[in-house]
Protein backbone atom coordinates (compact mmCIF):
# COMPACT_ATOMS: atom_id res chain seq x y z
CA UNK A 1 0.02 0.00 0.00
CA UNK A 2 1.39 3.42 -0.99
CA UNK A 3 2.28 5.64 1.99
CA UNK A 4 1.61 9.31 2.14
CA UNK A 5 3.66 11.97 3.89
CA UNK A 6 1.57 12.24 7.04
CA UNK A 7 0.12 10.14 9.80
CA UNK A 8 -3.39 10.56 11.09
CA UNK A 9 -3.54 11.70 14.68
CA UNK A 10 -6.82 13.54 15.00
CA UNK A 11 -6.33 14.49 18.63
CA UNK A 12 -2.95 16.13 18.05
CA UNK A 13 -3.29 17.03 14.39
CA UNK A 14 -2.73 20.68 13.51
CA UNK A 15 -3.18 22.45 10.24
CA UNK A 16 0.01 23.03 8.35
CA UNK A 17 -1.26 26.00 6.32
CA UNK A 18 -4.48 27.68 5.22
CA UNK A 19 -7.18 25.18 4.40
CA UNK A 20 -8.69 25.58 0.93
CA UNK A 21 -12.23 26.82 1.25
CA UNK A 22 -15.00 26.22 -1.21
CA UNK A 23 -15.54 23.55 -3.78
CA UNK A 24 -13.56 25.29 -6.52
CA UNK A 25 -10.47 25.58 -4.28
CA UNK A 26 -10.47 21.83 -3.69
CA UNK A 27 -11.13 21.09 -7.34
CA UNK A 28 -8.18 23.31 -8.39
CA UNK A 29 -5.97 21.01 -6.31
CA UNK A 30 -6.96 17.87 -8.24
CA UNK A 31 -4.17 18.16 -10.87
CA UNK A 32 -1.58 18.40 -8.07
CA UNK A 33 -3.17 15.42 -6.33
CA UNK A 34 -2.97 13.44 -9.54
CA UNK A 35 0.77 14.18 -9.65
CA UNK A 36 1.15 12.84 -6.10
CA UNK A 37 2.00 16.27 -4.61
CA UNK A 38 2.26 15.68 -0.85
CA UNK A 39 1.59 19.31 -0.03
CA UNK A 40 -1.68 19.19 -1.97
CA UNK A 41 -2.55 15.93 -0.21
CA UNK A 42 -2.00 17.60 3.15
CA UNK A 43 -4.15 20.61 2.23
CA UNK A 44 -6.97 18.40 1.03
CA UNK A 45 -6.64 16.29 4.17
CA UNK A 46 -6.82 19.44 6.34
CA UNK A 47 -9.90 20.65 4.46
CA UNK A 48 -11.86 17.38 4.43
CA UNK A 49 -10.81 15.47 7.59
CA UNK A 50 -13.26 17.14 10.01
CA UNK A 51 -16.25 16.68 7.68
CA UNK A 52 -15.32 13.12 6.72
CA UNK A 53 -14.64 12.18 10.37
CA UNK A 54 -18.24 13.12 11.11
CA UNK A 55 -19.40 10.81 8.28
CA UNK A 56 -17.20 7.98 9.56
CA UNK A 57 -18.43 8.41 13.14
CA UNK A 58 -22.05 8.17 11.99
CA UNK A 59 -21.39 4.78 10.40
CA UNK A 60 -18.90 3.26 12.81
CA UNK A 61 -20.42 4.41 16.10
CA UNK A 62 -17.07 4.76 17.90
CA UNK A 63 -14.04 6.99 17.53
CA UNK A 64 -11.38 4.28 17.11
CA UNK A 65 -13.14 2.55 14.20
CA UNK A 66 -14.05 5.90 12.69
CA UNK A 67 -10.40 6.99 12.72
CA UNK A 68 -9.40 3.71 11.00
CA UNK A 69 -12.04 4.25 8.32
CA UNK A 70 -10.97 7.88 7.91
CA UNK A 71 -7.36 6.86 7.38
CA UNK A 72 -8.35 4.10 4.94
CA UNK A 73 -10.68 6.52 3.15
CA UNK A 74 -7.89 9.06 2.55
CA UNK A 75 -5.57 6.35 1.26
CA UNK A 76 -8.31 5.31 -1.18
CA UNK A 77 -9.01 8.92 -2.17
CA UNK A 78 -5.35 9.62 -2.97
CA UNK A 79 -4.77 6.32 -4.79
CA UNK A 80 -8.02 6.57 -6.79
CA UNK A 81 -7.76 10.29 -7.56
CA UNK A 82 -7.32 9.53 -11.28
CA UNK A 83 -10.92 8.23 -11.35
CA UNK A 84 -12.27 11.67 -10.43
CA UNK A 85 -13.51 13.01 -13.75
CA UNK A 86 -14.56 16.48 -12.62
CA UNK A 87 -18.24 15.66 -12.99
CA UNK A 88 -19.94 16.79 -9.79
CA UNK A 89 -18.27 18.27 -6.78
CA UNK A 90 -14.95 16.93 -5.54
CA UNK A 91 -16.26 16.91 -1.98
CA UNK A 92 -19.32 14.86 -3.01
CA UNK A 93 -17.05 12.38 -4.81
CA UNK A 94 -14.83 12.17 -1.71
CA UNK A 95 -17.84 11.68 0.56
CA UNK A 96 -18.91 8.62 -1.45
CA UNK A 97 -15.41 7.17 -0.93
CA UNK A 98 -15.73 7.54 2.84
CA UNK A 99 -19.25 6.10 2.94
CA UNK A 100 -18.14 3.11 0.80
CA UNK A 101 -15.02 2.65 2.97
CA UNK A 102 -17.21 2.55 6.09
CA UNK A 103 -19.55 0.04 4.43
CA UNK A 104 -16.64 -2.18 3.39
CA UNK A 105 -15.28 -2.09 6.96
CA UNK A 106 -18.70 -3.07 8.34
CA UNK A 107 -18.96 -5.92 5.81
CA UNK A 108 -15.44 -7.19 6.65
CA UNK A 109 -16.27 -7.32 10.34
CA UNK A 110 -19.71 -8.80 9.62
CA UNK A 111 -21.19 -6.06 11.77
CA UNK A 112 -24.20 -5.85 9.45
CA UNK A 113 -25.47 -9.36 10.19
CA UNK A 114 -27.00 -9.84 6.77
CA UNK A 115 -30.00 -11.95 7.84
CA UNK A 116 -33.16 -10.65 9.46
CA UNK A 117 -36.41 -12.43 10.17
CA UNK A 118 -38.76 -10.55 7.86
CA UNK A 119 -41.90 -11.98 9.44
CA UNK A 120 -40.80 -10.78 12.82
CA UNK A 121 -39.94 -7.35 11.44
CA UNK A 122 -43.47 -6.91 10.03
CA UNK A 123 -44.83 -6.89 13.59
CA UNK A 124 -42.53 -3.98 14.48
CA UNK A 125 -44.27 -1.35 12.33
CA UNK A 126 -46.05 1.33 14.32
CA UNK A 127 -47.93 4.52 13.57
CA UNK A 128 -46.71 6.24 16.75
CA UNK A 129 -45.15 9.69 16.24
CA UNK A 130 -41.53 10.24 17.20
CA UNK A 131 -41.09 12.90 19.94
CA UNK A 132 -37.80 13.98 18.36
CA UNK A 133 -38.48 17.66 19.03
CA UNK A 134 -37.56 17.10 22.69
CA UNK A 135 -33.91 16.27 22.07
CA UNK A 136 -30.99 18.15 20.56
CA UNK A 137 -28.92 17.31 17.48
CA UNK A 138 -25.86 16.10 19.43
CA UNK A 139 -27.99 13.85 21.62
CA UNK A 140 -29.65 12.39 18.53
CA UNK A 141 -26.23 11.67 16.93
CA UNK A 142 -25.15 9.86 20.11
CA UNK A 143 -28.32 7.77 19.97
CA UNK A 144 -27.73 6.93 16.30
CA UNK A 145 -24.15 5.91 17.15
CA UNK A 146 -25.51 3.58 19.85
CA UNK A 147 -27.70 1.64 17.39
CA UNK A 148 -26.51 -1.84 16.36
CA UNK A 149 -24.28 -1.53 13.24
CA UNK A 150 -26.76 -3.10 10.85
CA UNK A 151 -29.53 -0.66 11.90
CA UNK A 152 -27.22 2.35 12.12
CA UNK A 153 -25.86 1.72 8.61
CA UNK A 154 -29.28 1.51 6.95
CA UNK A 155 -30.52 4.50 8.95
CA UNK A 156 -27.51 6.60 7.85
CA UNK A 157 -27.80 5.55 4.21
CA UNK A 158 -31.55 6.13 4.00
CA UNK A 159 -32.12 9.15 6.23
CA UNK A 160 -28.83 11.03 6.06
CA UNK A 161 -27.39 10.06 2.66
CA UNK A 162 -30.71 9.84 0.77
CA UNK A 163 -30.22 6.33 -0.63
CA UNK A 164 -33.31 4.39 -1.72
CA UNK A 165 -34.04 0.93 -0.31
CA UNK A 166 -33.08 -0.50 -3.69
CA UNK A 167 -29.69 1.26 -3.56
CA UNK A 168 -29.13 0.14 0.04
CA UNK A 169 -29.96 -3.46 -0.86
CA UNK A 170 -27.40 -3.36 -3.71
CA UNK A 171 -24.72 -1.75 -1.49
CA UNK A 172 -25.17 -4.17 1.40
CA UNK A 173 -26.03 -7.33 -0.53
CA UNK A 174 -29.39 -7.75 1.16
CA UNK A 175 -33.01 -7.53 0.04
CA UNK A 176 -35.06 -4.33 -0.07
CA UNK A 177 -37.35 -5.90 2.54
CA UNK A 178 -34.35 -6.34 4.87
CA UNK A 179 -33.38 -2.71 4.31
CA UNK A 180 -36.91 -1.54 5.18
CA UNK A 181 -36.99 -3.84 8.21
CA UNK A 182 -33.68 -2.50 9.54
CA UNK A 183 -34.77 1.10 9.01
CA UNK A 184 -37.98 0.45 10.92
CA UNK A 185 -36.10 -1.27 13.73
CA UNK A 186 -33.65 1.66 13.86
CA UNK A 187 -36.54 4.09 14.13
CA UNK A 188 -38.22 2.06 16.86
CA UNK A 189 -34.95 1.78 18.79
CA UNK A 190 -34.42 5.54 18.48
CA UNK A 191 -37.98 6.13 19.71
CA UNK A 192 -37.28 3.95 22.76
CA UNK A 193 -34.10 5.89 23.49
CA UNK A 194 -35.90 9.20 23.10
CA UNK A 195 -38.69 8.09 25.42
CA UNK A 196 -36.11 7.03 27.99
CA UNK A 197 -34.77 10.62 27.96
CA UNK A 198 -38.03 11.99 29.51
């Protein structure tokens, strides 16, 4: 695996120079990235690491795994930079890399548990409203992180990334019914956690 000129230490990491701001600033760095320019890699890392760490945390549920996925995601980004065609935003392209890296990590560790009892899941559907207005954003993110990996992953893909159940089924190698079941279970689990906050 190709090594890059920096190590990831999020707790002690400091910016080396001004972070490029805006999509066009990042996209202007793509030619340098394609040439393997370590300074450009560092600037892109500085610009994207905080945002992509948030993405990784949402999928992994804990800081240690999220840091591993973040590191692996940047290695993939820098080694696959030639596949960025310029269509769409660079940050959107990068985000897909980090989501896919998190999904691959979850598959490797079999955290998704790819079998659900669909009949049992049908009994879980409810019409009850979610009292989400009572909690804050940070509390909700902590609750999402506490979900089992297979529920958290589907919830993130469907609710936060905007994937369809068909897309989720293709990404995770499960059925659309399993995706729907896991989303419903995630919602019910979140409702239970929210009720417990009263």
